[in-house]
Amino acid sequence: MILTVKLLLGWRCSLTVSGQEGVAMLKKLVSERLHVPEEQQHLLFRGQLLADDKRLSDSCIGPNASISVVMRPLEKPALRTPASPSPCGTTWARSYPSTQGPLRMPLPIGLPGCVLPPILTVNL
């Protein structure tokens, strides 16, 4: 059977598979065709996440079905370290060599305080 695989970025491809193929094998084919690493893929059919250990037939995927691929972001190491607690959770700050004293930036009006700390202090 032929499946259409779509990325949210608009890329599409058609893959020929059997209903007895596993989801893990489909991820491998998607990786080869669309150059998306298997560990970054979430495959969705009719809004349901496909489990790697299941077969396509287990999810009632038939000919001419459309599978959506959602890419998980790569985990990046944290560049910031927590400075002091805030009412919203954690305030983030980064230390710089002190050359001109601290730089203070007020929070722009209209943004909630939980997005950014009320005052950001950076030592230059």
C-alpha atoms as a PDB file:
ATOM      1  CA  MET A   1       0.000   0.000   0.000  1.00  0.00           C
ATOM      2  CA  ILE A   2       1.073   3.583  -0.566  1.00  0.00           C
ATOM      3  CA  LEU A   3       1.131   6.044   2.325  1.00  0.00           C
ATOM      4  CA  THR A   4       1.547   9.804   2.138  1.00  0.00           C
ATOM      5  CA  VAL A   5       3.837  11.161   4.826  1.00  0.00           C
ATOM      6  CA  LYS A   6       3.605  14.906   5.590  1.00  0.00           C
ATOM      7  CA  LEU A   7       5.832  17.154   7.669  1.00  0.00           C
ATOM      8  CA  LEU A   8       4.339  20.264   9.218  1.00  0.00           C
ATOM      9  CA  LEU A   9       6.898  22.244   7.195  1.00  0.00           C
ATOM     10  CA  GLY A  10       5.003  21.281   4.043  1.00  0.00           C
ATOM     11  CA  TRP A  11       7.298  18.515   2.796  1.00  0.00           C
ATOM     12  CA  ARG A  12       5.575  15.347   1.562  1.00  0.00           C
ATOM     13  CA  CYS A  13       6.605  11.977   0.263  1.00  0.00           C
ATOM     14  CA  SER A  14       4.913   8.732  -0.727  1.00  0.00           C
ATOM     15  CA  LEU A  15       6.112   5.449   0.733  1.00  0.00           C
ATOM     16  CA  THR A  16       5.209   1.917  -0.302  1.00  0.00           C
ATOM     17  CA  VAL A  17       4.798  -0.355   2.734  1.00  0.00           C
ATOM     18  CA  SER A  18       2.787  -3.390   3.802  1.00  0.00           C
ATOM     19  CA  GLY A  19       0.177  -3.282   6.554  1.00  0.00           C
ATOM     20  CA  GLN A  20       2.327  -5.656   8.597  1.00  0.00           C
ATOM     21  CA  GLU A  21       5.235  -3.184   8.742  1.00  0.00           C
ATOM     22  CA  GLY A  22       6.040  -1.803  12.158  1.00  0.00           C
ATOM     23  CA  VAL A  23       5.890   1.870  13.055  1.00  0.00           C
ATOM     24  CA  ALA A  24       9.620   1.741  13.856  1.00  0.00           C
ATOM     25  CA  MET A  25      10.309   0.593  10.279  1.00  0.00           C
ATOM     26  CA  LEU A  26       8.122   3.408   8.931  1.00  0.00           C
ATOM     27  CA  LYS A  27      10.179   5.872  10.977  1.00  0.00           C
ATOM     28  CA  LYS A  28      13.328   4.474   9.395  1.00  0.00           C
ATOM     29  CA  LEU A  29      11.874   4.967   5.894  1.00  0.00           C
ATOM     30  CA  VAL A  30      10.797   8.522   6.774  1.00  0.00           C
ATOM     31  CA  SER A  31      14.297   9.204   8.090  1.00  0.00           C
ATOM     32  CA  GLU A  32      15.829   8.076   4.798  1.00  0.00           C
ATOM     33  CA  ARG A  33      13.408  10.007   2.568  1.00  0.00           C
ATOM     34  CA  LEU A  34      12.844  13.233   4.526  1.00  0.00           C
ATOM     35  CA  HIS A  35      16.147  13.344   6.448  1.00  0.00           C
ATOM     36  CA  VAL A  36      14.489  13.586   9.858  1.00  0.00           C
ATOM     37  CA  PRO A  37      16.264  11.525  12.558  1.00  0.00           C
ATOM     38  CA  GLU A  38      14.107   8.688  13.909  1.00  0.00           C
ATOM     39  CA  GLU A  39      14.511   9.869  17.504  1.00  0.00           C
ATOM     40  CA  GLN A  40      12.999  13.258  16.573  1.00  0.00           C
ATOM     41  CA  GLN A  41       9.882  11.837  14.899  1.00  0.00           C
ATOM     42  CA  HIS A  42       6.345  11.625  16.279  1.00  0.00           C
ATOM     43  CA  LEU A  43       4.089   9.885  13.756  1.00  0.00           C
ATOM     44  CA  LEU A  44       0.389  10.729  13.910  1.00  0.00           C
ATOM     45  CA  PHE A  45      -2.562   9.078  12.184  1.00  0.00           C
ATOM     46  CA  ARG A  46      -5.990  10.667  12.626  1.00  0.00           C
ATOM     47  CA  GLY A  47      -4.634  12.661  15.563  1.00  0.00           C
ATOM     48  CA  GLN A  48      -3.342   9.577  17.410  1.00  0.00           C
ATOM     49  CA  LEU A  49       0.339   9.043  18.216  1.00  0.00           C
ATOM     50  CA  LEU A  50       1.659   5.815  16.678  1.00  0.00           C
ATOM     51  CA  ALA A  51       3.641   3.640  19.112  1.00  0.00           C
ATOM     52  CA  ASP A  52       6.958   2.263  17.833  1.00  0.00           C
ATOM     53  CA  ASP A  53       6.165  -1.298  18.945  1.00  0.00           C
ATOM     54  CA  LYS A  54       2.874  -1.500  16.972  1.00  0.00           C
ATOM     55  CA  ARG A  55       2.196  -2.486  13.362  1.00  0.00           C
ATOM     56  CA  LEU A  56       0.472  -0.187  10.891  1.00  0.00           C
ATOM     57  CA  SER A  57      -2.490  -2.572  10.714  1.00  0.00           C
ATOM     58  CA  ASP A  58      -2.940  -2.275  14.512  1.00  0.00           C
ATOM     59  CA  SER A  59      -3.936   1.379  13.976  1.00  0.00           C
ATOM     60  CA  CYS A  60      -6.242   0.563  11.015  1.00  0.00           C
ATOM     61  CA  ILE A  61      -3.902   2.321   8.589  1.00  0.00           C
ATOM     62  CA  GLY A  62      -4.922   1.369   5.062  1.00  0.00           C
ATOM     63  CA  PRO A  63      -3.982   2.243   1.489  1.00  0.00           C
ATOM     64  CA  ASN A  64      -3.707   5.948   0.624  1.00  0.00           C
ATOM     65  CA  ALA A  65      -3.595   6.917   4.312  1.00  0.00           C
ATOM     66  CA  SER A  66      -1.915  10.161   5.332  1.00  0.00           C
ATOM     67  CA  ILE A  67       0.601  10.111   8.190  1.00  0.00           C
ATOM     68  CA  SER A  68       1.735  13.366   9.825  1.00  0.00           C
ATOM     69  CA  VAL A  69       5.255  13.731  11.169  1.00  0.00           C
ATOM     70  CA  VAL A  70       5.845  16.097  14.070  1.00  0.00           C
ATOM     71  CA  MET A  71       9.479  16.769  14.828  1.00  0.00           C
ATOM     72  CA  ARG A  72      10.607  16.852  18.447  1.00  0.00           C
ATOM     73  CA  PRO A  73      13.211  19.533  19.159  1.00  0.00           C
ATOM     74  CA  LEU A  74      16.727  18.398  19.939  1.00  0.00           C
ATOM     75  CA  GLU A  75      17.579  18.669  23.595  1.00  0.00           C
ATOM     76  CA  LYS A  76      20.090  21.448  24.114  1.00  0.00           C
ATOM     77  CA  PRO A  77      22.210  21.950  27.202  1.00  0.00           C
ATOM     78  CA  ALA A  78      21.010  24.824  29.369  1.00  0.00           C
ATOM     79  CA  LEU A  79      23.009  27.998  28.710  1.00  0.00           C
ATOM     80  CA  ARG A  80      21.549  29.821  31.671  1.00  0.00           C
ATOM     81  CA  THR A  81      21.652  29.112  35.351  1.00  0.00           C
ATOM     82  CA  PRO A  82      18.954  29.891  37.911  1.00  0.00           C
ATOM     83  CA  ALA A  83      19.711  33.092  39.851  1.00  0.00           C
ATOM     84  CA  SER A  84      16.942  33.656  42.373  1.00  0.00           C
ATOM     85  CA  PRO A  85      13.371  32.462  42.791  1.00  0.00           C
ATOM     86  CA  SER A  86      10.522  34.485  41.338  1.00  0.00           C
ATOM     87  CA  PRO A  87       6.758  34.205  41.793  1.00  0.00           C
ATOM     88  CA  CYS A  88       6.528  32.405  38.446  1.00  0.00           C
ATOM     89  CA  GLY A  89       9.154  29.760  39.127  1.00  0.00           C
ATOM     90  CA  THR A  90      12.734  30.575  38.204  1.00  0.00           C
ATOM     91  CA  THR A  91      14.478  33.797  37.240  1.00  0.00           C
ATOM     92  CA  TRP A  92      17.324  33.321  34.800  1.00  0.00           C
ATOM     93  CA  ALA A  93      20.491  35.406  34.690  1.00  0.00           C
ATOM     94  CA  ARG A  94      23.921  35.138  33.138  1.00  0.00           C
ATOM     95  CA  SER A  95      27.159  36.539  34.519  1.00  0.00           C
ATOM     96  CA  TYR A  96      29.453  38.647  32.356  1.00  0.00           C
ATOM     97  CA  PRO A  97      32.817  40.188  33.203  1.00  0.00           C
ATOM     98  CA  SER A  98      32.188  43.464  35.015  1.00  0.00           C
ATOM     99  CA  THR A  99      33.583  46.367  32.984  1.00  0.00           C
ATOM    100  CA  GLN A 100      30.916  49.086  33.083  1.00  0.00           C
ATOM    101  CA  GLY A 101      28.690  48.021  35.949  1.00  0.00           C
ATOM    102  CA  PRO A 102      25.314  46.310  35.818  1.00  0.00           C
ATOM    103  CA  LEU A 103      22.937  46.744  32.933  1.00  0.00           C
ATOM    104  CA  ARG A 104      19.296  46.881  34.045  1.00  0.00           C
ATOM    105  CA  MET A 105      16.449  46.346  31.617  1.00  0.00           C
ATOM    106  CA  PRO A 106      12.809  46.811  32.686  1.00  0.00           C
ATOM    107  CA  LEU A 107      10.157  44.434  31.427  1.00  0.00           C
ATOM    108  CA  PRO A 108       8.255  45.884  28.427  1.00  0.00           C
ATOM    109  CA  ILE A 109       4.675  46.863  29.194  1.00  0.00           C
ATOM    110  CA  GLY A 110       2.073  44.311  28.164  1.00  0.00           C
ATOM    111  CA  LEU A 111       4.161  41.176  28.680  1.00  0.00           C
ATOM    112  CA  PRO A 112       3.260  38.945  31.624  1.00  0.00           C
ATOM    113  CA  GLY A 113       5.822  38.705  34.397  1.00  0.00           C
ATOM    114  CA  CYS A 114       5.999  34.924  34.039  1.00  0.00           C
ATOM    115  CA  VAL A 115       7.569  35.175  30.574  1.00  0.00           C
ATOM    116  CA  LEU A 116      10.508  37.346  31.630  1.00  0.00           C
ATOM    117  CA  PRO A 117      11.666  38.525  35.038  1.00  0.00           C
ATOM    118  CA  PRO A 118      10.512  42.054  35.923  1.00  0.00           C
ATOM    119  CA  ILE A 119      14.076  43.429  35.863  1.00  0.00           C
ATOM    120  CA  LEU A 120      16.979  41.793  34.118  1.00  0.00           C
ATOM    121  CA  THR A 121      20.411  42.665  35.486  1.00  0.00           C
ATOM    122  CA  VAL A 122      23.520  41.929  33.443  1.00  0.00           C
ATOM    123  CA  ASN A 123      27.026  42.887  34.505  1.00  0.00           C
ATOM    124  CA  LEU A 124      29.098  44.120  31.557  1.00  0.00           C
END
